[in-house]
């Protein structure tokens, strides 16, 4: 941070369908890249943007958090960054809030927890627009059994069984605060909150629970499966369409 700059925090929502993910890519369109392009237009020079975490290709966000350092004069109300950026961004990316934060704030390193939600459409004919943001189910799952599985994901947890081969994380241990299924309107929702996640982990966790629930696997057997560390025992990794980065806590 240079003298005269101020630290601006953004709350961002986006439809990730047409992006390669959050992280900037050289030859592909990303959410970070689009916002940085808008910031460069405003400032007249490149402005790096830090996000609270990466979302994969096709994953959406209701509450992504990011921050950047701005050299625009301090007399400008920081809340004006919201309409200014929105006027330069595609409609698939919206800045919901903008505020000035202390110089040392970092969207990623200061985050205490991340919450994701995966949306499912119970058995019925889903309209085309829904399929972009939720996964249609062919059968009605047993939410009681699913929640019996979900309760096993609490505390310090070895997530090796959910780690894809290309995940380069040094540690596969994560602290999971809670995980549960609930009904919201006409949809089934899976929510999980943790200090951090492995690459594609939420999609793998949700897919594994749906897979074993269909087979009526007992919770004690499911506990053994997820603690085995054997990737081959995990269920399918669900598509990104129904997944949202829901909230970041600091």
Foldseek 3Di string as FASTA:
>chain_A
DDPQKFKKKWWKWFQQAQFQKADDDDPTHHVQVQLQVLVCVVQVHGKHKAWQDIDGRRATAPTIMIMTIDNPHPVDAQQVVQVSSVVRGPPRMHTPGMHTDDPPDGNHPPFQKWKKKFKEAEDDDDDPVVVQAHHYDNHDFDQVQLFLQFALQAAWAQQLLQADPPWPDPGRIWHWHGWGWDDDVRIIMIMTMTRDHTVLRVQQSVQQSVVVRVVVDHNVVSSCLRRVSHNVSTGDRHDNRNMYRYHTHD
